[in-house]
Each structure stands twice: as structure tokens, then as C-alpha cells.
């Protein structure tokens, strides 16, 4: 489990380093095997967030966070033919995946509507890709 936690923190560390370059403050929280990094531009943004929740300020920037935990996925999946490219009939399979990294990036707006949100999303995805390589 230490290896898993180390890799999870590596994602946090790389993302945190990128966010610090844009002068955002952060707060780390850990509760019930879930870790979170919350990011704000300044204390006024935090007060605004507490009143209104996730939103963009007048400069089109906002409060955002990344949440991470490790989950197990145990279930049944139905295999079926996809675009006539399969050579088997449909049937059920049991899936048991343990220690899956689960990340949620919470942004103040849709990435299609906000350049800021799109930029933060790209930073997260690019850093996650760097770890996978």
C-alpha cells in the first residue's frame, strides 16, 4: 500500500508544482482514505467560495480542487460485439480490480466555457500522462 500512496502523492506533487507557478495557494486534506488538494488565488476567493461555492471571479479564475482515493472494482461486465469487429458471442465476465487510482478534478465551470478551466484541466491531464510514461 505504501507504493500506491507514493504514486498517488506523485500525481499530487506534480500537479501542485504546476499550480504554484500561477501563484495559487493550496490546502491539503486527508479524511477516510481520501486525499484532497484545494486551490485558491487568495483569501478573498476562499470567502467568496464559501458564500457561493464553485464559480469564476471577475478575472475568470476560480477555486478548484483535486480529490484522490484508491478503490476496488469488483463486478460483472457483459461482453458484446462492437462495430462487427469481435469474433465472440456476448457473455458475462467477472472483473476484480484492486487498488485503482481514482482522481476527480473539480472545476468552477465547464472546460468548454472557460479558458481558465480548460487550462487547469490540461495541466492535470498532462501531468497525469507524464506519470504513466
Foldseek 3Di string as FASTA:
>chain_A
DVVLVVLVVLLVVQLVVVVVVVQWDWDWDDDDQKIKIKTDNDVVLVVVCVVVNQAADPVRAHIKMKMKGWAKDWDKDWDPDDPVPDDDHIDIDTDTGGGDIDMDIGHSDDLVVGVNVVVSVVSSVVSVVVSVD
